């Protein structure tokens, strides 16, 4: 049963992202919405360059955001 409750995929990074950068995940998803015309890796690069996120955290946020659609 513990495995059922365990979060997998990009969302598994969310607690670490919130702790490290001090913003809720909705903050980052709202920012990504303003960058809709970019490709996946362009969005990742933008988060890294403009907001100082690490590659893994930026990639997880973009993957989650793009799968929401």
PDB file of N, CA and C in Angstrom:
ATOM      1  N   UNK A   1       0.814  -1.187   0.000  1.00  0.00           N
ATOM      2  CA  UNK A   1       0.000   0.000   0.000  1.00  0.00           C
ATOM      3  C   UNK A   1       0.864   1.260   0.000  1.00  0.00           C
ATOM      4  N   UNK A   2       2.024   1.199   0.592  1.00  0.00           N
ATOM      5  CA  UNK A   2       2.901   2.374   0.619  1.00  0.00           C
ATOM      6  C   UNK A   2       3.308   2.776  -0.788  1.00  0.00           C
ATOM      7  N   UNK A   3       3.459   1.795  -1.678  1.00  0.00           N
ATOM      8  CA  UNK A   3       3.831   2.103  -3.060  1.00  0.00           C
ATOM      9  C   UNK A   3       2.742   2.867  -3.795  1.00  0.00           C
ATOM     10  N   UNK A   4       1.482   2.619  -3.447  1.00  0.00           N
ATOM     11  CA  UNK A   4       0.378   3.310  -4.101  1.00  0.00           C
ATOM     12  C   UNK A   4       0.393   4.802  -3.797  1.00  0.00           C
ATOM     13  N   UNK A   5       0.797   5.163  -2.593  1.00  0.00           N
ATOM     14  CA  UNK A   5       0.781   6.563  -2.185  1.00  0.00           C
ATOM     15  C   UNK A   5       2.030   7.313  -2.665  1.00  0.00           C
ATOM     16  N   UNK A   6       3.049   6.586  -3.069  1.00  0.00           N
ATOM     17  CA  UNK A   6       4.298   7.209  -3.488  1.00  0.00           C
ATOM     18  C   UNK A   6       4.116   7.921  -4.825  1.00  0.00           C
ATOM     19  N   UNK A   7       4.517   9.186  -4.861  1.00  0.00           N
ATOM     20  CA  UNK A   7       4.404   9.983  -6.075  1.00  0.00           C
ATOM     21  C   UNK A   7       5.555   9.615  -7.000  1.00  0.00           C
ATOM     22  N   UNK A   8       5.247   9.452  -8.266  1.00  0.00           N
ATOM     23  CA  UNK A   8       6.265   9.079  -9.247  1.00  0.00           C
ATOM     24  C   UNK A   8       6.302  10.114 -10.358  1.00  0.00           C
ATOM     25  N   UNK A   9       7.323  10.034 -11.175  1.00  0.00           N
ATOM     26  CA  UNK A   9       7.446  10.926 -12.320  1.00  0.00           C
ATOM     27  C   UNK A   9       7.857  12.331 -11.905  1.00  0.00           C
ATOM     28  N   UNK A  10       7.588  13.303 -12.771  1.00  0.00           N
ATOM     29  CA  UNK A  10       8.018  14.681 -12.512  1.00  0.00           C
ATOM     30  C   UNK A  10       7.522  15.243 -11.183  1.00  0.00           C
ATOM     31  N   UNK A  11       6.326  14.866 -10.771  1.00  0.00           N
ATOM     32  CA  UNK A  11       5.765  15.404  -9.523  1.00  0.00           C
ATOM     33  C   UNK A  11       6.567  14.969  -8.296  1.00  0.00           C
ATOM     34  N   UNK A  12       7.368  13.925  -8.423  1.00  0.00           N
ATOM     35  CA  UNK A  12       8.172  13.483  -7.285  1.00  0.00           C
ATOM     36  C   UNK A  12       9.230  14.524  -6.909  1.00  0.00           C
ATOM     37  N   UNK A  13       9.537  15.429  -7.819  1.00  0.00           N
ATOM     38  CA  UNK A  13      10.500  16.500  -7.556  1.00  0.00           C
ATOM     39  C   UNK A  13       9.872  17.699  -6.838  1.00  0.00           C
ATOM     40  N   UNK A  14       8.565  17.780  -6.806  1.00  0.00           N
ATOM     41  CA  UNK A  14       7.886  18.990  -6.326  1.00  0.00           C
ATOM     42  C   UNK A  14       8.247  19.398  -4.899  1.00  0.00           C
ATOM     43  N   UNK A  15       8.284  18.485  -3.930  1.00  0.00           N
ATOM     44  CA  UNK A  15       8.653  18.925  -2.577  1.00  0.00           C
ATOM     45  C   UNK A  15      10.052  19.560  -2.518  1.00  0.00           C
ATOM     46  N   UNK A  16      10.991  18.974  -3.237  1.00  0.00           N
ATOM     47  CA  UNK A  16      12.356  19.524  -3.249  1.00  0.00           C
ATOM     48  C   UNK A  16      12.404  20.880  -3.947  1.00  0.00           C
ATOM     49  N   UNK A  17      11.632  21.027  -5.011  1.00  0.00           N
ATOM     50  CA  UNK A  17      11.593  22.302  -5.741  1.00  0.00           C
ATOM     51  C   UNK A  17      11.031  23.396  -4.832  1.00  0.00           C
ATOM     52  N   UNK A  18       9.923  23.104  -4.166  1.00  0.00           N
ATOM     53  CA  UNK A  18       9.312  24.093  -3.283  1.00  0.00           C
ATOM     54  C   UNK A  18      10.253  24.467  -2.138  1.00  0.00           C
ATOM     55  N   UNK A  19      10.925  23.485  -1.575  1.00  0.00           N
ATOM     56  CA  UNK A  19      11.843  23.741  -0.462  1.00  0.00           C
ATOM     57  C   UNK A  19      13.050  24.565  -0.919  1.00  0.00           C
ATOM     58  N   UNK A  20      13.631  24.198  -2.044  1.00  0.00           N
ATOM     59  CA  UNK A  20      14.858  24.856  -2.491  1.00  0.00           C
ATOM     60  C   UNK A  20      14.623  26.281  -2.992  1.00  0.00           C
ATOM     61  N   UNK A  21      13.535  26.493  -3.741  1.00  0.00           N
ATOM     62  CA  UNK A  21      13.331  27.789  -4.390  1.00  0.00           C
ATOM     63  C   UNK A  21      12.306  28.681  -3.692  1.00  0.00           C
ATOM     64  N   UNK A  22      11.573  28.127  -2.718  1.00  0.00           N
ATOM     65  CA  UNK A  22      10.687  28.933  -1.891  1.00  0.00           C
ATOM     66  C   UNK A  22       9.370  29.370  -2.516  1.00  0.00           C
ATOM     67  N   UNK A  23       8.989  28.735  -3.606  1.00  0.00           N
ATOM     68  CA  UNK A  23       7.719  29.065  -4.255  1.00  0.00           C
ATOM     69  C   UNK A  23       6.908  27.789  -4.454  1.00  0.00           C
ATOM     70  N   UNK A  24       5.577  27.895  -4.395  1.00  0.00           N
ATOM     71  CA  UNK A  24       4.747  26.718  -4.666  1.00  0.00           C
ATOM     72  C   UNK A  24       4.821  26.341  -6.143  1.00  0.00           C
ATOM     73  N   UNK A  25       4.490  25.127  -6.444  1.00  0.00           N
ATOM     74  CA  UNK A  25       4.557  24.630  -7.824  1.00  0.00           C
ATOM     75  C   UNK A  25       3.663  25.462  -8.747  1.00  0.00           C
ATOM     76  N   UNK A  26       2.530  25.917  -8.261  1.00  0.00           N
ATOM     77  CA  UNK A  26       1.646  26.752  -9.092  1.00  0.00           C
ATOM     78  C   UNK A  26       2.355  28.003  -9.604  1.00  0.00           C
ATOM     79  N   UNK A  27       3.266  28.544  -8.823  1.00  0.00           N
ATOM     80  CA  UNK A  27       4.053  29.706  -9.254  1.00  0.00           C
ATOM     81  C   UNK A  27       4.822  29.375 -10.534  1.00  0.00           C
ATOM     82  N   UNK A  28       5.506  28.233 -10.527  1.00  0.00           N
ATOM     83  CA  UNK A  28       6.320  27.843 -11.685  1.00  0.00           C
ATOM     84  C   UNK A  28       5.449  27.496 -12.879  1.00  0.00           C
ATOM     85  N   UNK A  29       4.313  26.857 -12.646  1.00  0.00           N
ATOM     86  CA  UNK A  29       3.421  26.504 -13.751  1.00  0.00           C
ATOM     87  C   UNK A  29       2.834  27.756 -14.394  1.00  0.00           C
ATOM     88  N   UNK A  30       2.547  28.766 -13.583  1.00  0.00           N
ATOM     89  CA  UNK A  30       2.056  30.037 -14.121  1.00  0.00           C
ATOM     90  C   UNK A  30       3.128  30.706 -14.969  1.00  0.00           C
ATOM     91  N   UNK A  31       4.367  30.671 -14.504  1.00  0.00           N
ATOM     92  CA  UNK A  31       5.469  31.234 -15.295  1.00  0.00           C
ATOM     93  C   UNK A  31       5.620  30.502 -16.620  1.00  0.00           C
ATOM     94  N   UNK A  32       5.517  29.192 -16.589  1.00  0.00           N
ATOM     95  CA  UNK A  32       5.653  28.412 -17.821  1.00  0.00           C
ATOM     96  C   UNK A  32       4.537  28.714 -18.808  1.00  0.00           C
ATOM     97  N   UNK A  33       3.367  29.024 -18.297  1.00  0.00           N
ATOM     98  CA  UNK A  33       2.247  29.365 -19.172  1.00  0.00           C
ATOM     99  C   UNK A  33       2.584  30.567 -20.048  1.00  0.00           C
ATOM    100  N   UNK A  34       3.395  31.485 -19.522  1.00  0.00           N
ATOM    101  CA  UNK A  34       3.783  32.671 -20.295  1.00  0.00           C
ATOM    102  C   UNK A  34       4.810  32.343 -21.375  1.00  0.00           C
ATOM    103  N   UNK A  35       5.311  31.112 -21.375  1.00  0.00           N
ATOM    104  CA  UNK A  35       6.339  30.696 -22.339  1.00  0.00           C
ATOM    105  C   UNK A  35       5.828  29.592 -23.265  1.00  0.00           C
ATOM    106  N   UNK A  36       4.541  29.553 -23.501  1.00  0.00           N
ATOM    107  CA  UNK A  36       3.914  28.456 -24.244  1.00  0.00           C
ATOM    108  C   UNK A  36       4.489  28.212 -25.630  1.00  0.00           C
ATOM    109  N   UNK A  37       5.004  29.231 -26.294  1.00  0.00           N
ATOM    110  CA  UNK A  37       5.493  29.059 -27.652  1.00  0.00           C
ATOM    111  C   UNK A  37       6.836  28.357 -27.752  1.00  0.00           C
ATOM    112  N   UNK A  38       7.470  28.100 -26.621  1.00  0.00           N
ATOM    113  CA  UNK A  38       8.789  27.480 -26.631  1.00  0.00           C
ATOM    114  C   UNK A  38       8.696  25.957 -26.664  1.00  0.00           C
ATOM    115  N   UNK A  39       9.740  25.320 -27.183  1.00  0.00           N
ATOM    116  CA  UNK A  39       9.848  23.862 -27.145  1.00  0.00           C
ATOM    117  C   UNK A  39      10.257  23.447 -25.734  1.00  0.00           C
ATOM    118  N   UNK A  40      10.169  22.160 -25.467  1.00  0.00           N
ATOM    119  CA  UNK A  40      10.473  21.628 -24.134  1.00  0.00           C
ATOM    120  C   UNK A  40      11.829  22.118 -23.618  1.00  0.00           C
ATOM    121  N   UNK A  41      12.882  21.860 -24.358  1.00  0.00           N
ATOM    122  CA  UNK A  41      14.216  22.212 -23.869  1.00  0.00           C
ATOM    123  C   UNK A  41      14.440  23.725 -23.829  1.00  0.00           C
ATOM    124  N   UNK A  42      13.712  24.465 -24.643  1.00  0.00           N
ATOM    125  CA  UNK A  42      13.784  25.922 -24.570  1.00  0.00           C
ATOM    126  C   UNK A  42      13.165  26.416 -23.256  1.00  0.00           C
ATOM    127  N   UNK A  43      12.084  25.763 -22.845  1.00  0.00           N
ATOM    128  CA  UNK A  43      11.457  26.110 -21.568  1.00  0.00           C
ATOM    129  C   UNK A  43      12.389  25.766 -20.405  1.00  0.00           C
ATOM    130  N   UNK A  44      13.037  24.618 -20.499  1.00  0.00           N
ATOM    131  CA  UNK A  44      13.992  24.210 -19.468  1.00  0.00           C
ATOM    132  C   UNK A  44      15.116  25.245 -19.371  1.00  0.00           C
ATOM    133  N   UNK A  45      15.666  25.614 -20.518  1.00  0.00           N
ATOM    134  CA  UNK A  45      16.756  26.602 -20.539  1.00  0.00           C
ATOM    135  C   UNK A  45      16.294  27.929 -19.962  1.00  0.00           C
ATOM    136  N   UNK A  46      15.078  28.331 -20.261  1.00  0.00           N
ATOM    137  CA  UNK A  46      14.544  29.595 -19.753  1.00  0.00           C
ATOM    138  C   UNK A  46      14.440  29.568 -18.224  1.00  0.00           C
ATOM    139  N   UNK A  47      13.927  28.467 -17.672  1.00  0.00           N
ATOM    140  CA  UNK A  47      13.839  28.362 -16.211  1.00  0.00           C
ATOM    141  C   UNK A  47      15.228  28.403 -15.575  1.00  0.00           C
ATOM    142  N   UNK A  48      16.180  27.753 -16.205  1.00  0.00           N
ATOM    143  CA  UNK A  48      17.540  27.731 -15.671  1.00  0.00           C
ATOM    144  C   UNK A  48      18.182  29.115 -15.731  1.00  0.00           C
ATOM    145  N   UNK A  49      18.058  29.771 -16.869  1.00  0.00           N
ATOM    146  CA  UNK A  49      18.720  31.060 -17.069  1.00  0.00           C
ATOM    147  C   UNK A  49      18.012  32.207 -16.349  1.00  0.00           C
ATOM    148  N   UNK A  50      16.708  32.265 -16.467  1.00  0.00           N
ATOM    149  CA  UNK A  50      15.961  33.400 -15.915  1.00  0.00           C
ATOM    150  C   UNK A  50      15.660  33.248 -14.422  1.00  0.00           C
ATOM    151  N   UNK A  51      15.611  32.001 -13.936  1.00  0.00           N
ATOM    152  CA  UNK A  51      15.167  31.788 -12.559  1.00  0.00           C
ATOM    153  C   UNK A  51      16.127  30.952 -11.716  1.00  0.00           C
ATOM    154  N   UNK A  52      17.226  30.520 -12.294  1.00  0.00           N
ATOM    155  CA  UNK A  52      18.257  29.830 -11.535  1.00  0.00           C
ATOM    156  C   UNK A  52      17.936  28.412 -11.102  1.00  0.00           C
ATOM    157  N   UNK A  53      16.988  27.757 -11.749  1.00  0.00           N
ATOM    158  CA  UNK A  53      16.671  26.381 -11.403  1.00  0.00           C
ATOM    159  C   UNK A  53      17.742  25.440 -11.950  1.00  0.00           C
ATOM    160  N   UNK A  54      17.943  24.336 -11.255  1.00  0.00           N
ATOM    161  CA  UNK A  54      18.817  23.295 -11.761  1.00  0.00           C
ATOM    162  C   UNK A  54      18.144  22.565 -12.905  1.00  0.00           C
ATOM    163  N   UNK A  55      18.930  21.843 -13.676  1.00  0.00           N
ATOM    164  CA  UNK A  55      18.395  21.180 -14.860  1.00  0.00           C
ATOM    165  C   UNK A  55      17.296  20.169 -14.520  1.00  0.00           C
ATOM    166  N   UNK A  56      17.528  19.323 -13.531  1.00  0.00           N
ATOM    167  CA  UNK A  56      16.537  18.301 -13.179  1.00  0.00           C
ATOM    168  C   UNK A  56      15.217  18.895 -12.712  1.00  0.00           C
ATOM    169  N   UNK A  57      15.300  19.943 -11.905  1.00  0.00           N
ATOM    170  CA  UNK A  57      14.082  20.594 -11.418  1.00  0.00           C
ATOM    171  C   UNK A  57      13.348  21.287 -12.559  1.00  0.00           C
ATOM    172  N   UNK A  58      14.078  21.984 -13.406  1.00  0.00           N
ATOM    173  CA  UNK A  58      13.455  22.664 -14.539  1.00  0.00           C
ATOM    174  C   UNK A  58      12.814  21.656 -15.477  1.00  0.00           C
ATOM    175  N   UNK A  59      13.499  20.574 -15.754  1.00  0.00           N
ATOM    176  CA  UNK A  59      12.981  19.553 -16.655  1.00  0.00           C
ATOM    177  C   UNK A  59      11.718  18.910 -16.090  1.00  0.00           C
ATOM    178  N   UNK A  60      11.706  18.643 -14.792  1.00  0.00           N
ATOM    179  CA  UNK A  60      10.523  18.052 -14.158  1.00  0.00           C
ATOM    180  C   UNK A  60       9.320  18.983 -14.264  1.00  0.00           C
ATOM    181  N   UNK A  61       9.534  20.268 -14.008  1.00  0.00           N
ATOM    182  CA  UNK A  61       8.436  21.232 -14.102  1.00  0.00           C
ATOM    183  C   UNK A  61       7.894  21.321 -15.524  1.00  0.00           C
ATOM    184  N   UNK A  62       8.782  21.382 -16.499  1.00  0.00           N
ATOM    185  CA  UNK A  62       8.353  21.485 -17.897  1.00  0.00           C
ATOM    186  C   UNK A  62       7.621  20.214 -18.325  1.00  0.00           C
ATOM    187  N   UNK A  63       8.158  19.054 -17.967  1.00  0.00           N
ATOM    188  CA  UNK A  63       7.499  17.790 -18.330  1.00  0.00           C
ATOM    189  C   UNK A  63       6.090  17.726 -17.738  1.00  0.00           C
ATOM    190  N   UNK A  64       5.949  18.105 -16.485  1.00  0.00           N
ATOM    191  CA  UNK A  64       4.643  18.096 -15.840  1.00  0.00           C
ATOM    192  C   UNK A  64       3.701  19.081 -16.530  1.00  0.00           C
ATOM    193  N   UNK A  65       4.207  20.297 -16.763  1.00  0.00           N
ATOM    194  CA  UNK A  65       3.398  21.335 -17.398  1.00  0.00           C
ATOM    195  C   UNK A  65       2.903  20.892 -18.768  1.00  0.00           C
ATOM    196  N   UNK A  66       3.786  20.345 -19.563  1.00  0.00           N
ATOM    197  CA  UNK A  66       3.421  19.949 -20.925  1.00  0.00           C
ATOM    198  C   UNK A  66       2.469  18.764 -20.937  1.00  0.00           C
ATOM    199  N   UNK A  67       2.502  17.939 -19.910  1.00  0.00           N
ATOM    200  CA  UNK A  67       1.576  16.800 -19.825  1.00  0.00           C
ATOM    201  C   UNK A  67       0.218  17.199 -19.265  1.00  0.00           C
ATOM    202  N   UNK A  68       0.109  18.405 -18.710  1.00  0.00           N
ATOM    203  CA  UNK A  68      -1.172  18.884 -18.177  1.00  0.00           C
ATOM    204  C   UNK A  68      -2.163  19.179 -19.293  1.00  0.00           C
ATOM    205  N   UNK A  69      -1.665  19.529 -20.449  1.00  0.00           N
ATOM    206  CA  UNK A  69      -2.519  19.986 -21.555  1.00  0.00           C
ATOM    207  C   UNK A  69      -3.411  18.910 -22.077  1.00  0.00           C
TER     208      UNK A  69
END
